[in-house]
């Protein structure tokens, strides 16, 4: 029969590990966005929680409850971190769209959705192509990609992180 101490110990390891991995996700989201003190503080808390939980597990690797709680906490923390990233969507991204013949429609649809879009032409392997750039909040990237794919299912879309953004039109979109 399991003692209460074994279950409580495993539960604490699980909860602290979920917290640690969630903090890691938030730290990575804001890293490089000029909030160095907060990033350093989160890194400290993340390292401390790792040391405490790993130390507890490493003391007795035959304790499957603690080992399982550690692994499940990492997994659940990763899942929680992805939810945080979806909700927060901190930062900006540049969506680059290449279209053969439908760049005007894509740019107009992006603008109609309340976002900014810049359009120009370029040379691709198939000849002249339309190029569209949209700098948007990360959480709005799926909406922009959907707009591009609906207007031109054959469009080529890439997304890059925009580390810093100054001036320009950053529409609020309709979401």
C-alpha atoms as a PDB file:
ATOM      1  CA  UNK A   1       0.000   0.000   0.000  1.00  0.00           C
ATOM      2  CA  UNK A   2       1.224   3.504  -0.801  1.00  0.00           C
ATOM      3  CA  UNK A   3       2.002   5.850   2.009  1.00  0.00           C
ATOM      4  CA  UNK A   4       0.678   9.388   1.991  1.00  0.00           C
ATOM      5  CA  UNK A   5       4.258  10.714   1.902  1.00  0.00           C
ATOM      6  CA  UNK A   6       5.004   8.929  -1.396  1.00  0.00           C
ATOM      7  CA  UNK A   7       1.900  10.347  -3.071  1.00  0.00           C
ATOM      8  CA  UNK A   8       2.431  13.855  -1.677  1.00  0.00           C
ATOM      9  CA  UNK A   9       6.097  13.826  -2.721  1.00  0.00           C
ATOM     10  CA  UNK A  10       5.192  12.739  -6.255  1.00  0.00           C
ATOM     11  CA  UNK A  11       2.419  15.335  -6.453  1.00  0.00           C
ATOM     12  CA  UNK A  12       4.772  18.117  -5.360  1.00  0.00           C
ATOM     13  CA  UNK A  13       7.358  17.028  -7.942  1.00  0.00           C
ATOM     14  CA  UNK A  14       4.663  16.986 -10.639  1.00  0.00           C
ATOM     15  CA  UNK A  15       3.291  20.437  -9.795  1.00  0.00           C
ATOM     16  CA  UNK A  16       6.729  22.060  -9.469  1.00  0.00           C
ATOM     17  CA  UNK A  17       7.860  20.495 -12.757  1.00  0.00           C
ATOM     18  CA  UNK A  18       4.750  21.797 -14.570  1.00  0.00           C
ATOM     19  CA  UNK A  19       5.488  25.239 -13.146  1.00  0.00           C
ATOM     20  CA  UNK A  20       9.152  25.013 -14.163  1.00  0.00           C
ATOM     21  CA  UNK A  21       8.445  24.089 -17.772  1.00  0.00           C
ATOM     22  CA  UNK A  22       5.698  26.714 -18.046  1.00  0.00           C
ATOM     23  CA  UNK A  23       8.150  29.333 -16.756  1.00  0.00           C
ATOM     24  CA  UNK A  24      10.669  28.110 -19.315  1.00  0.00           C
ATOM     25  CA  UNK A  25       8.147  28.692 -22.104  1.00  0.00           C
ATOM     26  CA  UNK A  26       7.341  32.208 -20.923  1.00  0.00           C
ATOM     27  CA  UNK A  27      11.052  32.972 -20.578  1.00  0.00           C
ATOM     28  CA  UNK A  28      11.701  31.844 -24.140  1.00  0.00           C
ATOM     29  CA  UNK A  29       8.764  33.906 -25.409  1.00  0.00           C
ATOM     30  CA  UNK A  30      10.073  37.140 -23.958  1.00  0.00           C
ATOM     31  CA  UNK A  31      13.797  36.505 -24.387  1.00  0.00           C
ATOM     32  CA  UNK A  32      15.392  38.985 -26.734  1.00  0.00           C
ATOM     33  CA  UNK A  33      12.591  41.485 -26.331  1.00  0.00           C
ATOM     34  CA  UNK A  34      14.556  43.853 -24.103  1.00  0.00           C
ATOM     35  CA  UNK A  35      13.241  42.635 -20.749  1.00  0.00           C
ATOM     36  CA  UNK A  36      16.535  41.171 -19.556  1.00  0.00           C
ATOM     37  CA  UNK A  37      15.851  41.470 -15.834  1.00  0.00           C
ATOM     38  CA  UNK A  38      12.595  39.529 -16.069  1.00  0.00           C
ATOM     39  CA  UNK A  39      14.230  36.888 -18.299  1.00  0.00           C
ATOM     40  CA  UNK A  40      17.090  36.496 -15.816  1.00  0.00           C
ATOM     41  CA  UNK A  41      14.659  36.221 -12.897  1.00  0.00           C
ATOM     42  CA  UNK A  42      12.598  33.582 -14.696  1.00  0.00           C
ATOM     43  CA  UNK A  43      15.795  31.672 -15.569  1.00  0.00           C
ATOM     44  CA  UNK A  44      16.740  31.686 -11.870  1.00  0.00           C
ATOM     45  CA  UNK A  45      13.334  30.333 -10.808  1.00  0.00           C
ATOM     46  CA  UNK A  46      13.417  27.756 -13.603  1.00  0.00           C
ATOM     47  CA  UNK A  47      16.887  26.540 -12.573  1.00  0.00           C
ATOM     48  CA  UNK A  48      15.894  26.426  -8.900  1.00  0.00           C
ATOM     49  CA  UNK A  49      12.760  24.386  -9.555  1.00  0.00           C
ATOM     50  CA  UNK A  50      14.735  22.029 -11.801  1.00  0.00           C
ATOM     51  CA  UNK A  51      17.415  21.525  -9.158  1.00  0.00           C
ATOM     52  CA  UNK A  52      14.866  20.848  -6.431  1.00  0.00           C
ATOM     53  CA  UNK A  53      12.785  18.384  -8.419  1.00  0.00           C
ATOM     54  CA  UNK A  54      15.692  16.621 -10.091  1.00  0.00           C
ATOM     55  CA  UNK A  55      17.516  16.358  -6.782  1.00  0.00           C
ATOM     56  CA  UNK A  56      14.490  14.694  -5.221  1.00  0.00           C
ATOM     57  CA  UNK A  57      14.160  12.220  -8.091  1.00  0.00           C
ATOM     58  CA  UNK A  58      17.902  11.473  -8.368  1.00  0.00           C
ATOM     59  CA  UNK A  59      18.091  10.515  -4.676  1.00  0.00           C
ATOM     60  CA  UNK A  60      16.161   7.361  -5.415  1.00  0.00           C
ATOM     61  CA  UNK A  61      15.746   6.422  -9.067  1.00  0.00           C
ATOM     62  CA  UNK A  62      13.951   3.255  -8.034  1.00  0.00           C
ATOM     63  CA  UNK A  63      11.045   5.381  -6.738  1.00  0.00           C
ATOM     64  CA  UNK A  64       8.818   5.068  -9.778  1.00  0.00           C
ATOM     65  CA  UNK A  65       6.238   7.465  -8.355  1.00  0.00           C
ATOM     66  CA  UNK A  66       8.727  10.346  -8.206  1.00  0.00           C
ATOM     67  CA  UNK A  67      10.270   9.426 -11.553  1.00  0.00           C
ATOM     68  CA  UNK A  68       6.848   9.204 -13.183  1.00  0.00           C
ATOM     69  CA  UNK A  69       5.740  12.484 -11.607  1.00  0.00           C
ATOM     70  CA  UNK A  70       8.909  14.174 -12.891  1.00  0.00           C
ATOM     71  CA  UNK A  71       8.346  12.925 -16.454  1.00  0.00           C
ATOM     72  CA  UNK A  72       4.607  13.618 -16.428  1.00  0.00           C
ATOM     73  CA  UNK A  73       5.282  17.078 -15.001  1.00  0.00           C
ATOM     74  CA  UNK A  74       7.660  17.811 -17.876  1.00  0.00           C
ATOM     75  CA  UNK A  75       5.064  16.613 -20.375  1.00  0.00           C
ATOM     76  CA  UNK A  76       2.181  18.515 -18.757  1.00  0.00           C
ATOM     77  CA  UNK A  77       4.387  21.611 -18.408  1.00  0.00           C
ATOM     78  CA  UNK A  78       5.183  21.489 -22.108  1.00  0.00           C
ATOM     79  CA  UNK A  79       1.469  21.261 -22.889  1.00  0.00           C
ATOM     80  CA  UNK A  80       0.700  24.127 -20.489  1.00  0.00           C
ATOM     81  CA  UNK A  81       3.503  26.171 -22.052  1.00  0.00           C
ATOM     82  CA  UNK A  82       2.004  25.682 -25.498  1.00  0.00           C
ATOM     83  CA  UNK A  83      -1.357  26.888 -24.171  1.00  0.00           C
ATOM     84  CA  UNK A  84       0.332  29.943 -22.653  1.00  0.00           C
ATOM     85  CA  UNK A  85       2.068  30.654 -25.957  1.00  0.00           C
ATOM     86  CA  UNK A  86      -1.245  30.391 -27.839  1.00  0.00           C
ATOM     87  CA  UNK A  87      -2.990  32.729 -25.414  1.00  0.00           C
ATOM     88  CA  UNK A  88      -0.214  35.268 -24.983  1.00  0.00           C
ATOM     89  CA  UNK A  89       1.226  35.203 -28.495  1.00  0.00           C
ATOM     90  CA  UNK A  90       3.723  37.815 -27.360  1.00  0.00           C
ATOM     91  CA  UNK A  91       5.806  39.515 -29.978  1.00  0.00           C
ATOM     92  CA  UNK A  92       5.577  40.000 -33.697  1.00  0.00           C
ATOM     93  CA  UNK A  93       6.142  37.944 -36.799  1.00  0.00           C
ATOM     94  CA  UNK A  94       6.677  38.725 -40.457  1.00  0.00           C
ATOM     95  CA  UNK A  95       4.534  36.665 -42.798  1.00  0.00           C
ATOM     96  CA  UNK A  96       6.063  36.447 -46.276  1.00  0.00           C
ATOM     97  CA  UNK A  97       3.762  35.336 -49.076  1.00  0.00           C
ATOM     98  CA  UNK A  98       4.761  34.569 -52.655  1.00  0.00           C
ATOM     99  CA  UNK A  99       1.935  34.215 -55.164  1.00  0.00           C
ATOM    100  CA  UNK A 100       1.817  33.635 -58.878  1.00  0.00           C
ATOM    101  CA  UNK A 101      -0.913  35.997 -60.095  1.00  0.00           C
ATOM    102  CA  UNK A 102      -2.984  36.541 -56.938  1.00  0.00           C
ATOM    103  CA  UNK A 103      -0.870  38.841 -54.788  1.00  0.00           C
ATOM    104  CA  UNK A 104      -3.251  41.792 -55.169  1.00  0.00           C
ATOM    105  CA  UNK A 105      -6.218  39.718 -53.954  1.00  0.00           C
ATOM    106  CA  UNK A 106      -4.176  38.424 -51.010  1.00  0.00           C
ATOM    107  CA  UNK A 107      -2.999  41.915 -50.018  1.00  0.00           C
ATOM    108  CA  UNK A 108      -6.536  43.295 -50.292  1.00  0.00           C
ATOM    109  CA  UNK A 109      -7.950  40.437 -48.201  1.00  0.00           C
ATOM    110  CA  UNK A 110      -5.300  40.978 -45.526  1.00  0.00           C
ATOM    111  CA  UNK A 111      -6.097  44.689 -45.420  1.00  0.00           C
ATOM    112  CA  UNK A 112      -9.854  44.005 -45.359  1.00  0.00           C
ATOM    113  CA  UNK A 113      -9.246  41.854 -42.274  1.00  0.00           C
ATOM    114  CA  UNK A 114      -7.726  44.880 -40.551  1.00  0.00           C
ATOM    115  CA  UNK A 115      -4.021  44.133 -40.991  1.00  0.00           C
ATOM    116  CA  UNK A 116      -1.312  45.929 -42.893  1.00  0.00           C
ATOM    117  CA  UNK A 117       0.246  44.411 -46.001  1.00  0.00           C
ATOM    118  CA  UNK A 118       3.004  45.539 -48.341  1.00  0.00           C
ATOM    119  CA  UNK A 119       3.011  44.209 -51.904  1.00  0.00           C
ATOM    120  CA  UNK A 120       5.658  44.246 -54.594  1.00  0.00           C
ATOM    121  CA  UNK A 121       6.845  42.005 -57.412  1.00  0.00           C
ATOM    122  CA  UNK A 122       9.823  39.743 -57.808  1.00  0.00           C
ATOM    123  CA  UNK A 123      11.283  37.065 -60.033  1.00  0.00           C
ATOM    124  CA  UNK A 124      10.696  33.435 -59.172  1.00  0.00           C
ATOM    125  CA  UNK A 125      11.514  30.223 -61.000  1.00  0.00           C
ATOM    126  CA  UNK A 126       8.204  30.513 -62.881  1.00  0.00           C
ATOM    127  CA  UNK A 127       8.652  34.173 -63.810  1.00  0.00           C
ATOM    128  CA  UNK A 128       7.194  37.269 -62.179  1.00  0.00           C
ATOM    129  CA  UNK A 129       5.583  36.663 -58.777  1.00  0.00           C
ATOM    130  CA  UNK A 130       3.833  38.871 -56.265  1.00  0.00           C
ATOM    131  CA  UNK A 131       5.422  39.301 -52.855  1.00  0.00           C
ATOM    132  CA  UNK A 132       3.397  40.296 -49.797  1.00  0.00           C
ATOM    133  CA  UNK A 133       4.780  41.104 -46.355  1.00  0.00           C
ATOM    134  CA  UNK A 134       2.616  41.452 -43.302  1.00  0.00           C
ATOM    135  CA  UNK A 135       4.065  42.225 -39.868  1.00  0.00           C
ATOM    136  CA  UNK A 136       1.546  41.032 -37.297  1.00  0.00           C
ATOM    137  CA  UNK A 137       1.268  39.931 -33.708  1.00  0.00           C
ATOM    138  CA  UNK A 138       2.290  36.285 -33.396  1.00  0.00           C
ATOM    139  CA  UNK A 139      -1.193  35.302 -32.319  1.00  0.00           C
ATOM    140  CA  UNK A 140      -2.526  36.662 -35.644  1.00  0.00           C
ATOM    141  CA  UNK A 141      -0.209  34.581 -37.853  1.00  0.00           C
ATOM    142  CA  UNK A 142      -2.744  31.740 -38.364  1.00  0.00           C
ATOM    143  CA  UNK A 143      -5.345  34.259 -39.568  1.00  0.00           C
ATOM    144  CA  UNK A 144      -2.934  35.740 -42.135  1.00  0.00           C
ATOM    145  CA  UNK A 145      -1.867  32.299 -43.364  1.00  0.00           C
ATOM    146  CA  UNK A 146      -5.515  31.286 -43.711  1.00  0.00           C
ATOM    147  CA  UNK A 147      -6.284  34.435 -45.722  1.00  0.00           C
ATOM    148  CA  UNK A 148      -3.357  33.741 -48.059  1.00  0.00           C
ATOM    149  CA  UNK A 149      -4.274  30.078 -48.507  1.00  0.00           C
ATOM    150  CA  UNK A 150      -7.933  30.900 -49.205  1.00  0.00           C
ATOM    151  CA  UNK A 151      -7.033  33.519 -51.820  1.00  0.00           C
ATOM    152  CA  UNK A 152      -4.313  31.362 -53.412  1.00  0.00           C
ATOM    153  CA  UNK A 153      -4.019  27.737 -52.275  1.00  0.00           C
ATOM    154  CA  UNK A 154      -0.727  27.499 -54.201  1.00  0.00           C
ATOM    155  CA  UNK A 155       0.868  30.484 -52.443  1.00  0.00           C
ATOM    156  CA  UNK A 156       4.220  29.975 -50.755  1.00  0.00           C
ATOM    157  CA  UNK A 157       4.141  31.233 -47.164  1.00  0.00           C
ATOM    158  CA  UNK A 158       6.969  31.606 -44.660  1.00  0.00           C
ATOM    159  CA  UNK A 159       6.887  33.091 -41.173  1.00  0.00           C
ATOM    160  CA  UNK A 160       9.809  34.721 -39.402  1.00  0.00           C
ATOM    161  CA  UNK A 161      10.110  36.179 -35.941  1.00  0.00           C
ATOM    162  CA  UNK A 162      10.307  39.961 -35.962  1.00  0.00           C
ATOM    163  CA  UNK A 163      12.558  40.731 -33.005  1.00  0.00           C
ATOM    164  CA  UNK A 164      11.849  44.459 -33.007  1.00  0.00           C
ATOM    165  CA  UNK A 165       9.210  46.597 -34.681  1.00  0.00           C
ATOM    166  CA  UNK A 166       9.244  50.395 -35.079  1.00  0.00           C
ATOM    167  CA  UNK A 167       6.579  52.453 -36.778  1.00  0.00           C
ATOM    168  CA  UNK A 168       4.328  51.213 -39.555  1.00  0.00           C
ATOM    169  CA  UNK A 169       0.768  49.957 -39.516  1.00  0.00           C
ATOM    170  CA  UNK A 170       0.013  47.179 -37.092  1.00  0.00           C
ATOM    171  CA  UNK A 171      -3.683  46.669 -37.540  1.00  0.00           C
ATOM    172  CA  UNK A 172      -5.707  45.118 -34.808  1.00  0.00           C
ATOM    173  CA  UNK A 173      -7.377  42.676 -37.156  1.00  0.00           C
ATOM    174  CA  UNK A 174     -10.874  41.477 -36.484  1.00  0.00           C
ATOM    175  CA  UNK A 175     -10.007  38.809 -33.913  1.00  0.00           C
END
